[in-house]
Amino acid sequence: MAKLFPFLQIHDFLSDKLSKEILDYAEARQADFSPSTTSSGGGMAMVTNQRISMTLKDLAEFGPAIRENILAI
């Protein structure tokens, strides 16, 4: 059996209002997302047979609120 990575699920991490605002922002910026990469052997590469995902590095005004919630935990 494959070894799974540990994870933590936090219910209600963001308020319903903030979650909706972030989702609306992501949908509006959909064209600005780029393929995500993984690190292997010291370099960054797209590994499409293992992972298919997109990323948006610009969190706009949501960055501080997300950081605050993380630090509060």
C-alpha atoms as a PDB file:
ATOM      1  CA  MET A   1       0.000   0.000   0.000  1.00  0.00           C
ATOM      2  CA  ALA A   2       1.248   3.503  -0.816  1.00  0.00           C
ATOM      3  CA  LYS A   3       2.483   5.598   2.077  1.00  0.00           C
ATOM      4  CA  LEU A   4       0.222   8.607   2.614  1.00  0.00           C
ATOM      5  CA  PHE A   5       1.371  12.035   3.707  1.00  0.00           C
ATOM      6  CA  PRO A   6       0.055  13.288   7.044  1.00  0.00           C
ATOM      7  CA  PHE A   7      -2.451  16.129   6.841  1.00  0.00           C
ATOM      8  CA  LEU A   8      -4.481  18.380   9.086  1.00  0.00           C
ATOM      9  CA  GLN A   9      -8.054  19.384   8.326  1.00  0.00           C
ATOM     10  CA  ILE A  10      -9.334  22.463  10.119  1.00  0.00           C
ATOM     11  CA  HIS A  11     -13.081  23.004   9.998  1.00  0.00           C
ATOM     12  CA  ASP A  12     -14.267  26.618   9.696  1.00  0.00           C
ATOM     13  CA  PHE A  13     -10.711  27.861   9.121  1.00  0.00           C
ATOM     14  CA  LEU A  14     -12.137  30.785   7.137  1.00  0.00           C
ATOM     15  CA  SER A  15     -15.492  32.431   7.662  1.00  0.00           C
ATOM     16  CA  ASP A  16     -18.200  31.697   5.103  1.00  0.00           C
ATOM     17  CA  LYS A  17     -17.983  35.303   3.906  1.00  0.00           C
ATOM     18  CA  LEU A  18     -14.200  35.210   3.428  1.00  0.00           C
ATOM     19  CA  SER A  19     -14.351  31.801   1.738  1.00  0.00           C
ATOM     20  CA  LYS A  20     -16.910  33.160  -0.755  1.00  0.00           C
ATOM     21  CA  GLU A  21     -14.803  36.263  -1.424  1.00  0.00           C
ATOM     22  CA  ILE A  22     -11.679  34.156  -2.074  1.00  0.00           C
ATOM     23  CA  LEU A  23     -13.615  31.818  -4.368  1.00  0.00           C
ATOM     24  CA  ASP A  24     -15.034  34.775  -6.323  1.00  0.00           C
ATOM     25  CA  TYR A  25     -11.520  36.247  -6.596  1.00  0.00           C
ATOM     26  CA  ALA A  26     -10.072  32.941  -7.838  1.00  0.00           C
ATOM     27  CA  GLU A  27     -12.828  32.546 -10.415  1.00  0.00           C
ATOM     28  CA  ALA A  28     -12.276  36.101 -11.682  1.00  0.00           C
ATOM     29  CA  ARG A  29      -8.505  35.462 -11.962  1.00  0.00           C
ATOM     30  CA  GLN A  30      -8.831  31.990 -13.500  1.00  0.00           C
ATOM     31  CA  ALA A  31      -6.859  33.007 -16.608  1.00  0.00           C
ATOM     32  CA  ASP A  32      -3.921  34.070 -14.381  1.00  0.00           C
ATOM     33  CA  PHE A  33      -3.377  30.626 -12.835  1.00  0.00           C
ATOM     34  CA  SER A  34      -0.311  28.688 -14.011  1.00  0.00           C
ATOM     35  CA  PRO A  35       0.618  24.995 -13.782  1.00  0.00           C
ATOM     36  CA  SER A  36       2.112  24.121 -10.416  1.00  0.00           C
ATOM     37  CA  THR A  37       5.478  22.419 -10.085  1.00  0.00           C
ATOM     38  CA  THR A  38       7.045  19.832  -7.856  1.00  0.00           C
ATOM     39  CA  SER A  39      10.587  19.567  -6.586  1.00  0.00           C
ATOM     40  CA  SER A  40      12.618  16.515  -7.439  1.00  0.00           C
ATOM     41  CA  GLY A  41      16.368  16.053  -7.352  1.00  0.00           C
ATOM     42  CA  GLY A  42      17.004  19.673  -6.388  1.00  0.00           C
ATOM     43  CA  GLY A  43      15.156  21.197  -9.356  1.00  0.00           C
ATOM     44  CA  MET A  44      11.660  22.366 -10.072  1.00  0.00           C
ATOM     45  CA  ALA A  45       9.678  20.586 -12.764  1.00  0.00           C
ATOM     46  CA  MET A  46       6.136  20.001 -13.937  1.00  0.00           C
ATOM     47  CA  VAL A  47       5.313  16.377 -13.223  1.00  0.00           C
ATOM     48  CA  THR A  48       1.971  15.920 -14.958  1.00  0.00           C
ATOM     49  CA  ASN A  49       1.795  12.155 -14.486  1.00  0.00           C
ATOM     50  CA  GLN A  50       1.875  12.603 -10.704  1.00  0.00           C
ATOM     51  CA  ARG A  51       0.128  15.911 -10.153  1.00  0.00           C
ATOM     52  CA  ILE A  52      -2.287  18.048 -12.127  1.00  0.00           C
ATOM     53  CA  SER A  53      -2.889  21.365 -10.399  1.00  0.00           C
ATOM     54  CA  MET A  54      -2.749  25.094 -10.952  1.00  0.00           C
ATOM     55  CA  THR A  55      -1.520  27.888  -8.724  1.00  0.00           C
ATOM     56  CA  LEU A  56      -2.060  31.613  -8.282  1.00  0.00           C
ATOM     57  CA  LYS A  57       0.623  33.270  -6.184  1.00  0.00           C
ATOM     58  CA  ASP A  58      -1.130  36.655  -5.889  1.00  0.00           C
ATOM     59  CA  LEU A  59      -3.415  36.430  -2.847  1.00  0.00           C
ATOM     60  CA  ALA A  60      -4.265  40.148  -3.069  1.00  0.00           C
ATOM     61  CA  GLU A  61      -5.932  41.487   0.079  1.00  0.00           C
ATOM     62  CA  PHE A  62      -6.645  37.930   1.291  1.00  0.00           C
ATOM     63  CA  GLY A  63      -3.014  37.130   2.175  1.00  0.00           C
ATOM     64  CA  PRO A  64      -2.981  38.869   5.561  1.00  0.00           C
ATOM     65  CA  ALA A  65      -6.292  37.290   6.665  1.00  0.00           C
ATOM     66  CA  ILE A  66      -5.088  33.808   5.728  1.00  0.00           C
ATOM     67  CA  ARG A  67      -1.745  34.392   7.498  1.00  0.00           C
ATOM     68  CA  GLU A  68      -3.534  35.642  10.643  1.00  0.00           C
ATOM     69  CA  ASN A  69      -5.683  32.512  10.769  1.00  0.00           C
ATOM     70  CA  ILE A  70      -2.629  30.271  10.356  1.00  0.00           C
ATOM     71  CA  LEU A  71      -0.710  32.084  13.086  1.00  0.00           C
ATOM     72  CA  ALA A  72      -3.723  31.910  15.414  1.00  0.00           C
ATOM     73  CA  ILE A  73      -3.603  28.121  15.241  1.00  0.00           C
END
